[in-house]
Amino acid sequence: MIKLEKYHKQKWSKKQINELMVLNKRFKLPYKKTEVFDLLCLQVFQTSLYNKEKFETSYDLFRREHLDMWENMTFNERNFFISQDLNKTKQSLKSFEFEGARIYIPFFNRLMNVLYDQETAILELPQFLKLYENFESELVPITTYGTLPFKANMSFAHFVYESNDQIVLFDSTIKTFFKLDANQSVESIPLFVKSQIDAEKIDAVAKEIAQNNQGAVYQIMHDEDLMAPRLKKKYLKMMKRGKL
């Protein structure tokens, strides 16, 4: 086995990690910046926060623009019109299906997501208006939804392949694959950061990763110039000695 991180040392930028840790501190989250899975969860949290704020700002804008008729509408009428107005915005947001509901904000439970999605006019009620800023008491773990937020591309890495209880993600910026399973364990498989890889090769590597076919992963990396020169020498030497 070759420890790829020894030769491919790229990571998310300090700026990205610092932004995530600011969220971690602000909302008193339990994540650690030294744990890859925790950082992936924080990325999902960041996307969730963006989605939540999109719902709220869109609602506020719509209400201001229709203030002259607002008081003359029933709750159902308000909800109907804001829902129509929000359709285009919702289509632009990352989301996924869970137990018959559309989840845009995976740090909220299913019911809260249903309310934001289908009963958006509730945001004018005092108990919901306070959630604009103070919603820590409503937070649920990102892992409540299993791997679904990651499959919905809510982290920096995009979903590529699924096999049994495992999924494989790929972050094209840092040229790194991540294999996640239902037990919240994660394995990083970094490529040479200067290498070029197309969608077909991404799919091929992801499939072998999901099937735990390490030899095939190394072979593709070698054949497609996805190894750093120093790693390639190490790989060929180990192959010659029959150690792989």
C-alpha atoms as a PDB file:
ATOM      1  CA  MET A   1       0.000   0.000   0.000  1.00  0.00           C
ATOM      2  CA  ILE A   2       1.237   3.483  -0.873  1.00  0.00           C
ATOM      3  CA  LYS A   3       0.393   6.428   1.366  1.00  0.00           C
ATOM      4  CA  LEU A   4      -0.660   8.881  -1.350  1.00  0.00           C
ATOM      5  CA  GLU A   5      -0.760  11.867   1.026  1.00  0.00           C
ATOM      6  CA  LYS A   6       3.020  11.590   1.366  1.00  0.00           C
ATOM      7  CA  TYR A   7       3.419  12.485  -2.305  1.00  0.00           C
ATOM      8  CA  HIS A   8       0.235  14.464  -2.985  1.00  0.00           C
ATOM      9  CA  LYS A   9      -0.034  16.930  -0.110  1.00  0.00           C
ATOM     10  CA  GLN A  10      -2.692  19.338  -1.366  1.00  0.00           C
ATOM     11  CA  LYS A  11      -5.467  20.406   0.999  1.00  0.00           C
ATOM     12  CA  TRP A  12      -8.269  22.933   1.051  1.00  0.00           C
ATOM     13  CA  SER A  13      -6.921  26.455   1.343  1.00  0.00           C
ATOM     14  CA  LYS A  14      -6.336  28.080   4.722  1.00  0.00           C
ATOM     15  CA  LYS A  15      -8.939  30.685   3.792  1.00  0.00           C
ATOM     16  CA  GLN A  16     -11.573  28.012   3.162  1.00  0.00           C
ATOM     17  CA  ILE A  17     -10.772  26.153   6.363  1.00  0.00           C
ATOM     18  CA  ASN A  18     -10.739  29.363   8.415  1.00  0.00           C
ATOM     19  CA  GLU A  19     -14.180  30.305   7.076  1.00  0.00           C
ATOM     20  CA  LEU A  20     -15.497  26.890   8.051  1.00  0.00           C
ATOM     21  CA  MET A  21     -14.024  27.125  11.527  1.00  0.00           C
ATOM     22  CA  VAL A  22     -15.604  30.545  12.009  1.00  0.00           C
ATOM     23  CA  LEU A  23     -18.972  28.861  11.418  1.00  0.00           C
ATOM     24  CA  ASN A  24     -17.953  26.069  13.750  1.00  0.00           C
ATOM     25  CA  LYS A  25     -17.253  28.533  16.544  1.00  0.00           C
ATOM     26  CA  ARG A  26     -20.220  30.803  15.845  1.00  0.00           C
ATOM     27  CA  PHE A  27     -22.758  27.992  16.073  1.00  0.00           C
ATOM     28  CA  LYS A  28     -20.890  25.979  18.711  1.00  0.00           C
ATOM     29  CA  LEU A  29     -20.524  22.964  16.429  1.00  0.00           C
ATOM     30  CA  PRO A  30     -18.451  19.912  17.420  1.00  0.00           C
ATOM     31  CA  TYR A  31     -16.259  19.692  14.328  1.00  0.00           C
ATOM     32  CA  LYS A  32     -12.458  19.626  14.207  1.00  0.00           C
ATOM     33  CA  LYS A  33     -10.356  21.130  11.435  1.00  0.00           C
ATOM     34  CA  THR A  34      -7.966  18.181  11.548  1.00  0.00           C
ATOM     35  CA  GLU A  35     -10.708  15.698  10.587  1.00  0.00           C
ATOM     36  CA  VAL A  36     -11.609  15.411   6.899  1.00  0.00           C
ATOM     37  CA  PHE A  37     -15.143  14.178   7.581  1.00  0.00           C
ATOM     38  CA  ASP A  38     -15.745  17.092   9.956  1.00  0.00           C
ATOM     39  CA  LEU A  39     -14.638  19.562   7.291  1.00  0.00           C
ATOM     40  CA  LEU A  40     -16.958  17.941   4.760  1.00  0.00           C
ATOM     41  CA  CYS A  41     -19.822  18.285   7.257  1.00  0.00           C
ATOM     42  CA  LEU A  42     -18.949  21.940   7.802  1.00  0.00           C
ATOM     43  CA  GLN A  43     -19.047  22.477   4.038  1.00  0.00           C
ATOM     44  CA  VAL A  44     -22.566  21.041   4.013  1.00  0.00           C
ATOM     45  CA  PHE A  45     -23.442  23.309   6.950  1.00  0.00           C
ATOM     46  CA  GLN A  46     -22.140  26.301   4.991  1.00  0.00           C
ATOM     47  CA  THR A  47     -24.306  25.405   1.988  1.00  0.00           C
ATOM     48  CA  SER A  48     -27.296  24.883   4.291  1.00  0.00           C
ATOM     49  CA  LEU A  49     -26.815  28.317   5.819  1.00  0.00           C
ATOM     50  CA  TYR A  50     -26.664  29.850   2.343  1.00  0.00           C
ATOM     51  CA  ASN A  51     -29.927  28.113   1.410  1.00  0.00           C
ATOM     52  CA  LYS A  52     -31.634  29.176   4.639  1.00  0.00           C
ATOM     53  CA  GLU A  53     -30.664  32.806   4.085  1.00  0.00           C
ATOM     54  CA  LYS A  54     -31.867  32.626   0.464  1.00  0.00           C
ATOM     55  CA  PHE A  55     -35.334  31.614   1.638  1.00  0.00           C
ATOM     56  CA  GLU A  56     -35.402  34.402   4.205  1.00  0.00           C
ATOM     57  CA  THR A  57     -34.067  37.219   2.024  1.00  0.00           C
ATOM     58  CA  SER A  58     -36.327  36.188  -0.869  1.00  0.00           C
ATOM     59  CA  TYR A  59     -39.329  36.201   1.441  1.00  0.00           C
ATOM     60  CA  ASP A  60     -38.407  39.605   2.901  1.00  0.00           C
ATOM     61  CA  LEU A  61     -37.928  41.125  -0.563  1.00  0.00           C
ATOM     62  CA  PHE A  62     -41.239  39.768  -1.824  1.00  0.00           C
ATOM     63  CA  ARG A  63     -43.067  41.060   1.253  1.00  0.00           C
ATOM     64  CA  ARG A  64     -41.557  44.559   0.912  1.00  0.00           C
ATOM     65  CA  GLU A  65     -42.433  44.729  -2.771  1.00  0.00           C
ATOM     66  CA  HIS A  66     -46.068  43.808  -2.036  1.00  0.00           C
ATOM     67  CA  LEU A  67     -46.526  45.634   1.246  1.00  0.00           C
ATOM     68  CA  ASP A  68     -49.503  47.633  -0.038  1.00  0.00           C
ATOM     69  CA  MET A  69     -51.568  44.467  -0.521  1.00  0.00           C
ATOM     70  CA  TRP A  70     -49.986  42.291   2.183  1.00  0.00           C
ATOM     71  CA  GLU A  71     -52.414  43.079   4.992  1.00  0.00           C
ATOM     72  CA  ASN A  72     -55.381  42.371   2.730  1.00  0.00           C
ATOM     73  CA  MET A  73     -54.260  38.823   1.940  1.00  0.00           C
ATOM     74  CA  THR A  74     -54.946  35.710   3.965  1.00  0.00           C
ATOM     75  CA  PHE A  75     -52.070  33.515   5.104  1.00  0.00           C
ATOM     76  CA  ASN A  76     -52.853  30.994   2.372  1.00  0.00           C
ATOM     77  CA  GLU A  77     -52.833  33.703  -0.277  1.00  0.00           C
ATOM     78  CA  ARG A  78     -49.518  35.051   0.965  1.00  0.00           C
ATOM     79  CA  ASN A  79     -48.074  31.575   1.025  1.00  0.00           C
ATOM     80  CA  PHE A  80     -49.294  30.831  -2.505  1.00  0.00           C
ATOM     81  CA  PHE A  81     -47.768  33.956  -4.014  1.00  0.00           C
ATOM     82  CA  ILE A  82     -44.444  33.697  -2.181  1.00  0.00           C
ATOM     83  CA  SER A  83     -44.209  30.020  -3.191  1.00  0.00           C
ATOM     84  CA  GLN A  84     -44.712  30.962  -6.834  1.00  0.00           C
ATOM     85  CA  ASP A  85     -42.102  33.681  -6.546  1.00  0.00           C
ATOM     86  CA  LEU A  86     -39.590  31.335  -4.871  1.00  0.00           C
ATOM     87  CA  ASN A  87     -39.785  28.540  -7.455  1.00  0.00           C
ATOM     88  CA  LYS A  88     -36.913  29.811  -9.583  1.00  0.00           C
ATOM     89  CA  THR A  89     -34.747  30.464  -6.533  1.00  0.00           C
ATOM     90  CA  LYS A  90     -35.394  26.982  -5.146  1.00  0.00           C
ATOM     91  CA  GLN A  91     -34.414  25.397  -8.441  1.00  0.00           C
ATOM     92  CA  SER A  92     -30.988  27.037  -8.130  1.00  0.00           C
ATOM     93  CA  LEU A  93     -30.360  25.668  -4.628  1.00  0.00           C
ATOM     94  CA  LYS A  94     -28.766  22.317  -3.826  1.00  0.00           C
ATOM     95  CA  SER A  95     -31.230  19.956  -2.185  1.00  0.00           C
ATOM     96  CA  PHE A  96     -32.318  16.326  -1.895  1.00  0.00           C
ATOM     97  CA  GLU A  97     -35.352  14.158  -1.170  1.00  0.00           C
ATOM     98  CA  PHE A  98     -35.808  12.592   2.276  1.00  0.00           C
ATOM     99  CA  GLU A  99     -38.914  10.714   3.402  1.00  0.00           C
ATOM    100  CA  GLY A 100     -41.060  12.479   0.821  1.00  0.00           C
ATOM    101  CA  ALA A 101     -39.770  15.963   1.664  1.00  0.00           C
ATOM    102  CA  ARG A 102     -37.370  18.265  -0.156  1.00  0.00           C
ATOM    103  CA  ILE A 103     -34.426  19.081   2.124  1.00  0.00           C
ATOM    104  CA  TYR A 104     -32.684  22.397   1.482  1.00  0.00           C
ATOM    105  CA  ILE A 105     -31.352  22.945   5.001  1.00  0.00           C
ATOM    106  CA  PRO A 106     -29.911  19.694   6.393  1.00  0.00           C
ATOM    107  CA  PHE A 107     -28.984  21.246   9.714  1.00  0.00           C
ATOM    108  CA  PHE A 108     -32.772  21.436  10.307  1.00  0.00           C
ATOM    109  CA  ASN A 109     -35.065  18.451  10.766  1.00  0.00           C
ATOM    110  CA  ARG A 110     -37.518  17.235   8.139  1.00  0.00           C
ATOM    111  CA  LEU A 111     -40.489  19.214   9.531  1.00  0.00           C
ATOM    112  CA  MET A 112     -38.600  22.484   9.574  1.00  0.00           C
ATOM    113  CA  ASN A 113     -37.521  21.921   5.977  1.00  0.00           C
ATOM    114  CA  VAL A 114     -41.130  21.259   4.963  1.00  0.00           C
ATOM    115  CA  LEU A 115     -42.180  24.538   6.589  1.00  0.00           C
ATOM    116  CA  TYR A 116     -39.474  26.567   4.845  1.00  0.00           C
ATOM    117  CA  ASP A 117     -40.247  24.884   1.529  1.00  0.00           C
ATOM    118  CA  GLN A 118     -44.047  24.642   1.527  1.00  0.00           C
ATOM    119  CA  GLU A 119     -45.212  27.118   4.175  1.00  0.00           C
ATOM    120  CA  THR A 120     -42.719  29.921   3.624  1.00  0.00           C
ATOM    121  CA  ALA A 121     -45.143  32.606   4.823  1.00  0.00           C
ATOM    122  CA  ILE A 122     -44.656  31.342   8.385  1.00  0.00           C
ATOM    123  CA  LEU A 123     -41.461  33.405   8.397  1.00  0.00           C
ATOM    124  CA  GLU A 124     -43.564  36.412   9.368  1.00  0.00           C
ATOM    125  CA  LEU A 125     -44.596  34.735  12.631  1.00  0.00           C
ATOM    126  CA  PRO A 126     -42.587  35.818  15.716  1.00  0.00           C
ATOM    127  CA  GLN A 127     -41.421  32.305  16.604  1.00  0.00           C
ATOM    128  CA  PHE A 128     -40.019  31.864  13.113  1.00  0.00           C
ATOM    129  CA  LEU A 129     -38.778  35.405  12.645  1.00  0.00           C
ATOM    130  CA  LYS A 130     -36.350  34.842  15.522  1.00  0.00           C
ATOM    131  CA  LEU A 131     -34.848  31.914  13.596  1.00  0.00           C
ATOM    132  CA  TYR A 132     -33.235  34.402  11.221  1.00  0.00           C
ATOM    133  CA  GLU A 133     -30.471  34.864  13.785  1.00  0.00           C
ATOM    134  CA  ASN A 134     -31.050  32.463  16.671  1.00  0.00           C
ATOM    135  CA  PHE A 135     -31.622  28.931  15.517  1.00  0.00           C
ATOM    136  CA  GLU A 136     -28.978  26.922  17.402  1.00  0.00           C
ATOM    137  CA  SER A 137     -31.687  25.148  19.400  1.00  0.00           C
ATOM    138  CA  GLU A 138     -33.148  23.758  16.157  1.00  0.00           C
ATOM    139  CA  LEU A 139     -29.904  22.295  14.803  1.00  0.00           C
ATOM    140  CA  VAL A 140     -29.654  18.595  14.037  1.00  0.00           C
ATOM    141  CA  PRO A 141     -26.479  16.736  12.990  1.00  0.00           C
ATOM    142  CA  ILE A 142     -25.692  16.765   9.275  1.00  0.00           C
ATOM    143  CA  THR A 143     -25.400  12.977   9.583  1.00  0.00           C
ATOM    144  CA  THR A 144     -29.153  12.807  10.291  1.00  0.00           C
ATOM    145  CA  TYR A 145     -29.546  12.456   6.532  1.00  0.00           C
ATOM    146  CA  GLY A 146     -26.759   9.937   6.019  1.00  0.00           C
ATOM    147  CA  THR A 147     -24.801  10.493   2.800  1.00  0.00           C
ATOM    148  CA  LEU A 148     -27.672  12.329   1.035  1.00  0.00           C
ATOM    149  CA  PRO A 149     -26.258  15.865   1.546  1.00  0.00           C
ATOM    150  CA  PHE A 150     -22.953  14.732   0.009  1.00  0.00           C
ATOM    151  CA  LYS A 151     -24.719  13.066  -2.911  1.00  0.00           C
ATOM    152  CA  ALA A 152     -26.494  16.411  -3.452  1.00  0.00           C
ATOM    153  CA  ASN A 153     -23.090  18.117  -3.857  1.00  0.00           C
ATOM    154  CA  MET A 154     -23.505  20.220  -0.740  1.00  0.00           C
ATOM    155  CA  SER A 155     -19.826  19.857   0.131  1.00  0.00           C
ATOM    156  CA  PHE A 156     -16.942  21.186  -1.984  1.00  0.00           C
ATOM    157  CA  ALA A 157     -16.567  17.722  -3.517  1.00  0.00           C
ATOM    158  CA  HIS A 158     -19.069  16.447  -6.073  1.00  0.00           C
ATOM    159  CA  PHE A 159     -20.757  13.065  -6.012  1.00  0.00           C
ATOM    160  CA  VAL A 160     -19.398  10.615  -8.591  1.00  0.00           C
ATOM    161  CA  TYR A 161     -20.215   7.003  -7.716  1.00  0.00           C
ATOM    162  CA  GLU A 162     -22.173   4.851  -5.283  1.00  0.00           C
ATOM    163  CA  SER A 163     -21.776   1.188  -4.375  1.00  0.00           C
ATOM    164  CA  ASN A 164     -23.683  -0.461  -1.524  1.00  0.00           C
ATOM    165  CA  ASP A 165     -23.283   1.830   1.506  1.00  0.00           C
ATOM    166  CA  GLN A 166     -20.317   3.732   0.064  1.00  0.00           C
ATOM    167  CA  ILE A 167     -20.183   6.862  -2.048  1.00  0.00           C
ATOM    168  CA  VAL A 168     -17.236   8.472  -3.804  1.00  0.00           C
ATOM    169  CA  LEU A 169     -16.852  12.238  -4.158  1.00  0.00           C
ATOM    170  CA  PHE A 170     -14.317  14.219  -6.161  1.00  0.00           C
ATOM    171  CA  ASP A 171     -13.068  17.751  -5.532  1.00  0.00           C
ATOM    172  CA  SER A 172     -11.671  18.987  -8.840  1.00  0.00           C
ATOM    173  CA  THR A 173      -9.991  21.992  -7.226  1.00  0.00           C
ATOM    174  CA  ILE A 174      -7.661  19.942  -5.040  1.00  0.00           C
ATOM    175  CA  LYS A 175      -7.804  16.838  -7.291  1.00  0.00           C
ATOM    176  CA  THR A 176      -8.869  14.565  -4.453  1.00  0.00           C
ATOM    177  CA  PHE A 177     -11.374  11.713  -4.161  1.00  0.00           C
ATOM    178  CA  PHE A 178     -13.204  11.014  -0.902  1.00  0.00           C
ATOM    179  CA  LYS A 179     -14.791   7.665  -0.089  1.00  0.00           C
ATOM    180  CA  LEU A 180     -17.525   7.875   2.559  1.00  0.00           C
ATOM    181  CA  ASP A 181     -19.515   5.085   4.130  1.00  0.00           C
ATOM    182  CA  ALA A 182     -22.601   4.814   6.322  1.00  0.00           C
ATOM    183  CA  ASN A 183     -20.392   4.708   9.441  1.00  0.00           C
ATOM    184  CA  GLN A 184     -19.134   8.241   8.783  1.00  0.00           C
ATOM    185  CA  SER A 185     -15.615   7.082   7.975  1.00  0.00           C
ATOM    186  CA  VAL A 186     -13.814   8.792   5.115  1.00  0.00           C
ATOM    187  CA  GLU A 187     -10.772   7.933   3.035  1.00  0.00           C
ATOM    188  CA  SER A 188      -8.928  10.533   0.957  1.00  0.00           C
ATOM    189  CA  ILE A 189      -7.337   9.556  -2.364  1.00  0.00           C
ATOM    190  CA  PRO A 190      -5.403  12.554  -3.709  1.00  0.00           C
ATOM    191  CA  LEU A 191      -4.143  12.717  -7.287  1.00  0.00           C
ATOM    192  CA  PHE A 192      -1.170  14.742  -8.518  1.00  0.00           C
ATOM    193  CA  VAL A 193      -2.493  18.284  -8.163  1.00  0.00           C
ATOM    194  CA  LYS A 194      -1.021  19.369 -11.516  1.00  0.00           C
ATOM    195  CA  SER A 195      -2.538  16.466 -13.422  1.00  0.00           C
ATOM    196  CA  GLN A 196      -5.409  16.722 -15.895  1.00  0.00           C
ATOM    197  CA  ILE A 197      -8.352  14.344 -15.585  1.00  0.00           C
ATOM    198  CA  ASP A 198     -11.571  14.245 -17.591  1.00  0.00           C
ATOM    199  CA  ALA A 199     -15.030  13.071 -16.554  1.00  0.00           C
ATOM    200  CA  GLU A 200     -14.541   9.593 -18.011  1.00  0.00           C
ATOM    201  CA  LYS A 201     -11.372   8.988 -15.995  1.00  0.00           C
ATOM    202  CA  ILE A 202     -12.963  10.446 -12.853  1.00  0.00           C
ATOM    203  CA  ASP A 203     -15.758   7.886 -13.186  1.00  0.00           C
ATOM    204  CA  ALA A 204     -13.268   5.062 -13.809  1.00  0.00           C
ATOM    205  CA  VAL A 205     -11.155   5.892 -10.751  1.00  0.00           C
ATOM    206  CA  ALA A 206     -14.224   6.389  -8.549  1.00  0.00           C
ATOM    207  CA  LYS A 207     -15.598   2.978  -9.514  1.00  0.00           C
ATOM    208  CA  GLU A 208     -12.355   1.230  -8.541  1.00  0.00           C
ATOM    209  CA  ILE A 209     -12.189   3.193  -5.285  1.00  0.00           C
ATOM    210  CA  ALA A 210     -15.733   2.169  -4.370  1.00  0.00           C
ATOM    211  CA  GLN A 211     -14.873  -1.463  -5.047  1.00  0.00           C
ATOM    212  CA  ASN A 212     -11.724  -1.204  -2.909  1.00  0.00           C
ATOM    213  CA  ASN A 213      -9.623  -2.166  -5.928  1.00  0.00           C
ATOM    214  CA  GLN A 214      -6.464  -0.379  -4.862  1.00  0.00           C
ATOM    215  CA  GLY A 215      -4.258  -1.971  -7.506  1.00  0.00           C
ATOM    216  CA  ALA A 216      -6.545  -0.783 -10.295  1.00  0.00           C
ATOM    217  CA  VAL A 217      -6.582   2.740  -8.827  1.00  0.00           C
ATOM    218  CA  TYR A 218      -2.779   2.857  -8.852  1.00  0.00           C
ATOM    219  CA  GLN A 219      -2.709   1.453 -12.384  1.00  0.00           C
ATOM    220  CA  ILE A 220      -5.059   4.137 -13.733  1.00  0.00           C
ATOM    221  CA  MET A 221      -3.169   6.834 -11.877  1.00  0.00           C
ATOM    222  CA  HIS A 222       0.084   5.645 -13.437  1.00  0.00           C
ATOM    223  CA  ASP A 223      -1.267   5.173 -16.951  1.00  0.00           C
ATOM    224  CA  GLU A 224      -3.086   8.528 -17.022  1.00  0.00           C
ATOM    225  CA  ASP A 225      -0.250  10.596 -15.488  1.00  0.00           C
ATOM    226  CA  LEU A 226      -2.180  11.212 -12.284  1.00  0.00           C
ATOM    227  CA  MET A 227       0.883  10.540 -10.121  1.00  0.00           C
ATOM    228  CA  ALA A 228       3.569  12.983  -9.097  1.00  0.00           C
ATOM    229  CA  PRO A 229       6.926  12.053 -10.668  1.00  0.00           C
ATOM    230  CA  ARG A 230       8.357  10.943  -7.315  1.00  0.00           C
ATOM    231  CA  LEU A 231       5.313   8.746  -6.638  1.00  0.00           C
ATOM    232  CA  LYS A 232       5.534   7.215 -10.104  1.00  0.00           C
ATOM    233  CA  LYS A 233       9.115   6.134  -9.403  1.00  0.00           C
ATOM    234  CA  LYS A 234       8.025   4.656  -6.069  1.00  0.00           C
ATOM    235  CA  TYR A 235       5.128   2.822  -7.722  1.00  0.00           C
ATOM    236  CA  LEU A 236       7.278   1.306 -10.485  1.00  0.00           C
ATOM    237  CA  LYS A 237       9.904   0.218  -7.954  1.00  0.00           C
ATOM    238  CA  MET A 238       7.274  -1.491  -5.781  1.00  0.00           C
ATOM    239  CA  MET A 239       5.728  -3.159  -8.798  1.00  0.00           C
ATOM    240  CA  LYS A 240       9.148  -4.479  -9.893  1.00  0.00           C
ATOM    241  CA  ARG A 241       9.664  -5.951  -6.426  1.00  0.00           C
ATOM    242  CA  GLY A 242       6.193  -7.471  -6.364  1.00  0.00           C
ATOM    243  CA  LYS A 243       5.095  -5.441  -3.346  1.00  0.00           C
ATOM    244  CA  LEU A 244       1.819  -4.269  -4.928  1.00  0.00           C
END
